[in-house]
Amino acid sequence: MDYICLQCHVIPLCCHRSYRVIHGVDYLNHFSSDRSHMQREDGSWIAPPPTYECIRGQSSSSLHTLPFYWDMTSNIVENLSLTGSVYGTVLSESEFFKKFSGV
């Protein structure tokens, strides 16, 4: 049984979990989506878009900042600071638990 349990914890590097941690105020101010991620290359909708207006934070730098949040390779920091970017900080799973578990 120990062998099986140990094998469950071996995760390839490409599949390691990452967490983007961002202050709520920064998220609300800088997030924007023009819904382009919901369209096919030909411009047709993958699914019907919501009826409400596109989201645009008051301090957003562009119409579509969603890719900044998807990119889990940027903003990785050594000191676990959460103030390095308005798009938050990417933490590895061990960094995330170290920061928030209180252990």
N, C-alpha and C. Protein backbone atom coordinates (compact mmCIF):
# COMPACT_ATOMS: atom_id res chain seq x y z
N MET A 1 0.82 -1.20 0.00
CA MET A 1 0.00 0.00 0.00
C MET A 1 0.86 1.26 0.00
N ASP A 2 1.98 1.27 0.72
CA ASP A 2 2.85 2.45 0.76
C ASP A 2 3.36 2.80 -0.62
N TYR A 3 3.72 1.78 -1.42
CA TYR A 3 4.21 2.02 -2.77
C TYR A 3 3.15 2.73 -3.61
N ILE A 4 1.92 2.30 -3.52
CA ILE A 4 0.83 2.91 -4.28
C ILE A 4 0.64 4.37 -3.86
N CYS A 5 0.65 4.63 -2.57
CA CYS A 5 0.48 6.00 -2.08
C CYS A 5 1.60 6.90 -2.55
N LEU A 6 2.82 6.41 -2.54
CA LEU A 6 3.96 7.21 -3.00
C LEU A 6 3.84 7.54 -4.48
N GLN A 7 3.35 6.61 -5.28
CA GLN A 7 3.22 6.85 -6.72
C GLN A 7 2.17 7.90 -7.03
N CYS A 8 1.19 8.04 -6.18
CA CYS A 8 0.14 9.04 -6.40
C CYS A 8 0.68 10.47 -6.26
N HIS A 9 1.80 10.64 -5.59
CA HIS A 9 2.34 11.97 -5.35
C HIS A 9 3.37 12.39 -6.39
N VAL A 10 3.70 11.53 -7.33
CA VAL A 10 4.66 11.87 -8.37
C VAL A 10 3.90 12.53 -9.52
N ILE A 11 4.05 13.84 -9.62
CA ILE A 11 3.36 14.60 -10.66
C ILE A 11 4.41 15.20 -11.58
N PRO A 12 4.27 15.01 -12.88
CA PRO A 12 5.24 15.61 -13.81
C PRO A 12 5.30 17.13 -13.63
N LEU A 13 6.46 17.71 -13.82
CA LEU A 13 6.66 19.14 -13.63
C LEU A 13 5.65 19.97 -14.40
N CYS A 14 5.32 19.55 -15.62
CA CYS A 14 4.38 20.32 -16.44
C CYS A 14 2.97 20.33 -15.85
N CYS A 15 2.70 19.45 -14.90
CA CYS A 15 1.36 19.35 -14.32
C CYS A 15 1.29 19.86 -12.88
N HIS A 16 2.38 20.43 -12.38
CA HIS A 16 2.36 20.96 -11.02
C HIS A 16 1.33 22.08 -10.92
N ARG A 17 0.66 22.14 -9.79
CA ARG A 17 -0.37 23.14 -9.60
C ARG A 17 0.25 24.50 -9.30
N SER A 18 -0.37 25.52 -9.83
CA SER A 18 0.01 26.89 -9.54
C SER A 18 -1.25 27.65 -9.15
N TYR A 19 -1.07 28.67 -8.33
CA TYR A 19 -2.19 29.46 -7.85
C TYR A 19 -1.88 30.94 -8.08
N ARG A 20 -2.77 31.64 -8.72
CA ARG A 20 -2.61 33.09 -8.87
C ARG A 20 -3.38 33.73 -7.72
N VAL A 21 -2.66 34.44 -6.88
CA VAL A 21 -3.25 35.09 -5.72
C VAL A 21 -3.23 36.59 -5.99
N ILE A 22 -4.38 37.20 -5.86
CA ILE A 22 -4.50 38.62 -6.20
C ILE A 22 -5.41 39.32 -5.20
N HIS A 23 -5.05 40.53 -4.86
CA HIS A 23 -5.91 41.33 -3.98
C HIS A 23 -7.23 41.61 -4.70
N GLY A 24 -8.33 41.48 -3.99
CA GLY A 24 -9.65 41.67 -4.59
C GLY A 24 -9.83 43.02 -5.25
N VAL A 25 -9.33 44.08 -4.62
CA VAL A 25 -9.46 45.43 -5.19
C VAL A 25 -8.71 45.52 -6.51
N ASP A 26 -7.50 44.95 -6.57
CA ASP A 26 -6.74 44.96 -7.83
C ASP A 26 -7.49 44.20 -8.92
N TYR A 27 -8.06 43.06 -8.55
CA TYR A 27 -8.81 42.26 -9.53
C TYR A 27 -9.98 43.06 -10.09
N LEU A 28 -10.76 43.65 -9.23
CA LEU A 28 -11.93 44.41 -9.68
C LEU A 28 -11.53 45.62 -10.52
N ASN A 29 -10.42 46.27 -10.18
CA ASN A 29 -9.99 47.46 -10.91
C ASN A 29 -9.32 47.17 -12.24
N HIS A 30 -8.62 46.04 -12.37
CA HIS A 30 -7.78 45.81 -13.54
C HIS A 30 -8.27 44.70 -14.47
N PHE A 31 -9.23 43.91 -14.04
CA PHE A 31 -9.73 42.83 -14.89
C PHE A 31 -10.63 43.39 -15.98
N SER A 32 -10.47 42.87 -17.19
CA SER A 32 -11.40 43.20 -18.27
C SER A 32 -11.48 42.03 -19.23
N SER A 33 -12.63 41.89 -19.85
CA SER A 33 -12.84 40.83 -20.83
C SER A 33 -13.73 41.35 -21.95
N ASP A 34 -13.22 41.28 -23.16
CA ASP A 34 -14.02 41.68 -24.32
C ASP A 34 -14.75 40.48 -24.93
N ARG A 35 -14.65 39.34 -24.25
CA ARG A 35 -15.30 38.09 -24.65
C ARG A 35 -14.69 37.43 -25.88
N SER A 36 -13.54 37.89 -26.32
CA SER A 36 -12.92 37.30 -27.51
C SER A 36 -12.54 35.84 -27.28
N HIS A 37 -12.34 35.45 -26.02
CA HIS A 37 -12.03 34.06 -25.72
C HIS A 37 -13.24 33.15 -25.92
N MET A 38 -14.40 33.74 -26.13
CA MET A 38 -15.62 32.98 -26.34
C MET A 38 -15.98 32.82 -27.82
N GLN A 39 -15.08 33.29 -28.68
CA GLN A 39 -15.35 33.24 -30.12
C GLN A 39 -14.39 32.31 -30.84
N ARG A 40 -14.89 31.72 -31.89
CA ARG A 40 -14.05 30.92 -32.78
C ARG A 40 -13.24 31.87 -33.66
N GLU A 41 -12.29 31.32 -34.38
CA GLU A 41 -11.45 32.13 -35.26
C GLU A 41 -12.27 32.88 -36.31
N ASP A 42 -13.39 32.29 -36.73
CA ASP A 42 -14.22 32.94 -37.76
C ASP A 42 -15.15 34.01 -37.17
N GLY A 43 -15.08 34.22 -35.85
CA GLY A 43 -15.90 35.23 -35.19
C GLY A 43 -17.22 34.74 -34.64
N SER A 44 -17.60 33.50 -34.96
CA SER A 44 -18.85 32.96 -34.42
C SER A 44 -18.65 32.61 -32.95
N TRP A 45 -19.75 32.61 -32.22
CA TRP A 45 -19.70 32.36 -30.78
C TRP A 45 -19.64 30.87 -30.49
N ILE A 46 -18.81 30.48 -29.56
CA ILE A 46 -18.76 29.09 -29.09
C ILE A 46 -20.04 28.78 -28.32
N ALA A 47 -20.48 29.74 -27.54
CA ALA A 47 -21.75 29.67 -26.80
C ALA A 47 -22.33 31.08 -26.82
N PRO A 48 -23.62 31.22 -26.67
CA PRO A 48 -24.19 32.57 -26.67
C PRO A 48 -23.55 33.43 -25.58
N PRO A 49 -23.17 34.66 -25.91
CA PRO A 49 -22.54 35.52 -24.90
C PRO A 49 -23.57 36.00 -23.89
N PRO A 50 -23.12 36.38 -22.71
CA PRO A 50 -24.04 36.93 -21.71
C PRO A 50 -24.72 38.19 -22.24
N THR A 51 -25.86 38.51 -21.69
CA THR A 51 -26.61 39.68 -22.15
C THR A 51 -26.09 40.97 -21.51
N TYR A 52 -25.33 40.87 -20.43
CA TYR A 52 -24.81 42.08 -19.78
C TYR A 52 -23.56 42.59 -20.50
N GLU A 53 -23.21 43.82 -20.22
CA GLU A 53 -22.06 44.47 -20.83
C GLU A 53 -20.77 43.71 -20.55
N CYS A 54 -19.79 43.88 -21.41
CA CYS A 54 -18.47 43.31 -21.16
C CYS A 54 -17.90 43.92 -19.88
N ILE A 55 -17.08 43.16 -19.21
CA ILE A 55 -16.47 43.61 -17.96
C ILE A 55 -15.26 44.48 -18.28
N ARG A 56 -15.16 45.62 -17.64
CA ARG A 56 -14.00 46.50 -17.83
C ARG A 56 -13.73 47.21 -16.52
N GLY A 57 -12.65 46.81 -15.83
CA GLY A 57 -12.25 47.47 -14.60
C GLY A 57 -11.87 48.91 -14.86
N GLN A 58 -12.11 49.77 -13.89
CA GLN A 58 -11.88 51.21 -14.08
C GLN A 58 -10.42 51.54 -14.36
N SER A 59 -9.48 50.69 -13.95
CA SER A 59 -8.06 50.94 -14.19
C SER A 59 -7.46 49.96 -15.18
N SER A 60 -8.30 49.25 -15.90
CA SER A 60 -7.83 48.23 -16.84
C SER A 60 -7.00 48.86 -17.95
N SER A 61 -5.90 48.18 -18.30
CA SER A 61 -4.98 48.72 -19.30
C SER A 61 -5.41 48.40 -20.73
N SER A 62 -6.36 47.50 -20.91
CA SER A 62 -6.83 47.14 -22.24
C SER A 62 -8.24 46.56 -22.14
N LEU A 63 -8.81 46.25 -23.29
CA LEU A 63 -10.16 45.68 -23.31
C LEU A 63 -10.20 44.22 -22.89
N HIS A 64 -9.03 43.56 -22.88
CA HIS A 64 -9.00 42.13 -22.60
C HIS A 64 -7.73 41.77 -21.83
N THR A 65 -7.82 41.77 -20.50
CA THR A 65 -6.66 41.43 -19.67
C THR A 65 -6.68 39.98 -19.20
N LEU A 66 -7.70 39.24 -19.59
CA LEU A 66 -7.83 37.85 -19.15
C LEU A 66 -6.57 37.02 -19.38
N PRO A 67 -5.87 37.14 -20.51
CA PRO A 67 -4.65 36.34 -20.71
C PRO A 67 -3.58 36.57 -19.64
N PHE A 68 -3.53 37.75 -19.04
CA PHE A 68 -2.56 37.99 -17.97
C PHE A 68 -2.86 37.09 -16.77
N TYR A 69 -4.11 36.79 -16.54
CA TYR A 69 -4.50 35.94 -15.42
C TYR A 69 -4.32 34.46 -15.75
N TRP A 70 -4.44 34.10 -17.02
CA TRP A 70 -4.24 32.72 -17.44
C TRP A 70 -2.78 32.31 -17.38
N ASP A 71 -1.88 33.23 -17.66
CA ASP A 71 -0.45 32.93 -17.74
C ASP A 71 0.09 32.63 -16.35
N MET A 72 0.27 31.37 -16.07
CA MET A 72 0.73 30.96 -14.74
C MET A 72 2.26 30.89 -14.66
N THR A 73 2.95 31.36 -15.68
CA THR A 73 4.42 31.36 -15.65
C THR A 73 4.97 32.72 -15.26
N SER A 74 4.13 33.75 -15.26
CA SER A 74 4.63 35.09 -14.95
C SER A 74 4.37 35.45 -13.50
N ASN A 75 5.14 36.39 -13.02
CA ASN A 75 5.00 36.94 -11.67
C ASN A 75 5.33 35.94 -10.57
N ILE A 76 6.12 34.92 -10.88
CA ILE A 76 6.54 34.00 -9.83
C ILE A 76 7.61 34.71 -9.01
N VAL A 77 7.43 34.74 -7.71
CA VAL A 77 8.37 35.46 -6.85
C VAL A 77 8.93 34.53 -5.79
N GLU A 78 10.10 34.87 -5.31
CA GLU A 78 10.76 34.04 -4.31
C GLU A 78 10.29 34.36 -2.89
N ASN A 79 9.95 35.61 -2.62
CA ASN A 79 9.65 36.00 -1.24
C ASN A 79 8.16 35.92 -0.89
N LEU A 80 7.36 35.37 -1.76
CA LEU A 80 5.93 35.18 -1.55
C LEU A 80 5.18 36.50 -1.35
N SER A 81 5.72 37.58 -1.89
CA SER A 81 5.06 38.87 -1.84
C SER A 81 3.79 38.80 -2.69
N LEU A 82 2.78 39.49 -2.27
CA LEU A 82 1.54 39.52 -3.05
C LEU A 82 1.31 40.91 -3.65
N THR A 83 2.33 41.75 -3.63
CA THR A 83 2.15 43.12 -4.11
C THR A 83 2.97 43.42 -5.34
N GLY A 84 3.52 42.41 -6.00
CA GLY A 84 4.41 42.63 -7.13
C GLY A 84 3.71 43.09 -8.39
N SER A 85 2.43 42.84 -8.54
CA SER A 85 1.74 43.16 -9.78
C SER A 85 0.25 43.31 -9.54
N VAL A 86 -0.39 44.14 -10.34
CA VAL A 86 -1.85 44.27 -10.24
C VAL A 86 -2.53 42.99 -10.70
N TYR A 87 -1.79 42.11 -11.38
CA TYR A 87 -2.34 40.83 -11.83
C TYR A 87 -2.06 39.72 -10.83
N GLY A 88 -1.59 40.06 -9.66
CA GLY A 88 -1.36 39.09 -8.62
C GLY A 88 0.00 38.43 -8.73
N THR A 89 0.15 37.39 -7.96
CA THR A 89 1.40 36.66 -7.88
C THR A 89 1.10 35.18 -8.06
N VAL A 90 1.91 34.52 -8.86
CA VAL A 90 1.75 33.08 -9.07
C VAL A 90 2.59 32.36 -8.03
N LEU A 91 1.95 31.47 -7.30
CA LEU A 91 2.62 30.67 -6.28
C LEU A 91 2.54 29.20 -6.65
N SER A 92 3.60 28.47 -6.35
CA SER A 92 3.54 27.02 -6.48
C SER A 92 2.62 26.50 -5.37
N GLU A 93 2.27 25.25 -5.44
CA GLU A 93 1.39 24.69 -4.41
C GLU A 93 2.04 24.76 -3.03
N SER A 94 3.32 24.44 -2.95
CA SER A 94 3.99 24.50 -1.64
C SER A 94 4.08 25.93 -1.13
N GLU A 95 4.33 26.90 -2.03
CA GLU A 95 4.36 28.31 -1.62
C GLU A 95 2.99 28.77 -1.15
N PHE A 96 1.96 28.33 -1.86
CA PHE A 96 0.59 28.69 -1.50
C PHE A 96 0.25 28.20 -0.10
N PHE A 97 0.53 26.92 0.17
CA PHE A 97 0.22 26.37 1.49
C PHE A 97 1.08 27.00 2.57
N LYS A 98 2.33 27.30 2.25
CA LYS A 98 3.21 27.97 3.22
C LYS A 98 2.66 29.35 3.57
N LYS A 99 2.18 30.06 2.58
CA LYS A 99 1.68 31.42 2.78
C LYS A 99 0.37 31.44 3.55
N PHE A 100 -0.53 30.50 3.28
CA PHE A 100 -1.88 30.59 3.82
C PHE A 100 -2.27 29.54 4.87
N SER A 101 -1.41 28.57 5.11
CA SER A 101 -1.79 27.53 6.08
C SER A 101 -1.46 27.92 7.51
N GLY A 102 -0.59 28.91 7.68
CA GLY A 102 -0.20 29.31 9.02
C GLY A 102 0.77 28.35 9.68
N VAL A 103 1.30 27.41 8.89
CA VAL A 103 2.24 26.43 9.44
C VAL A 103 3.65 26.91 9.24
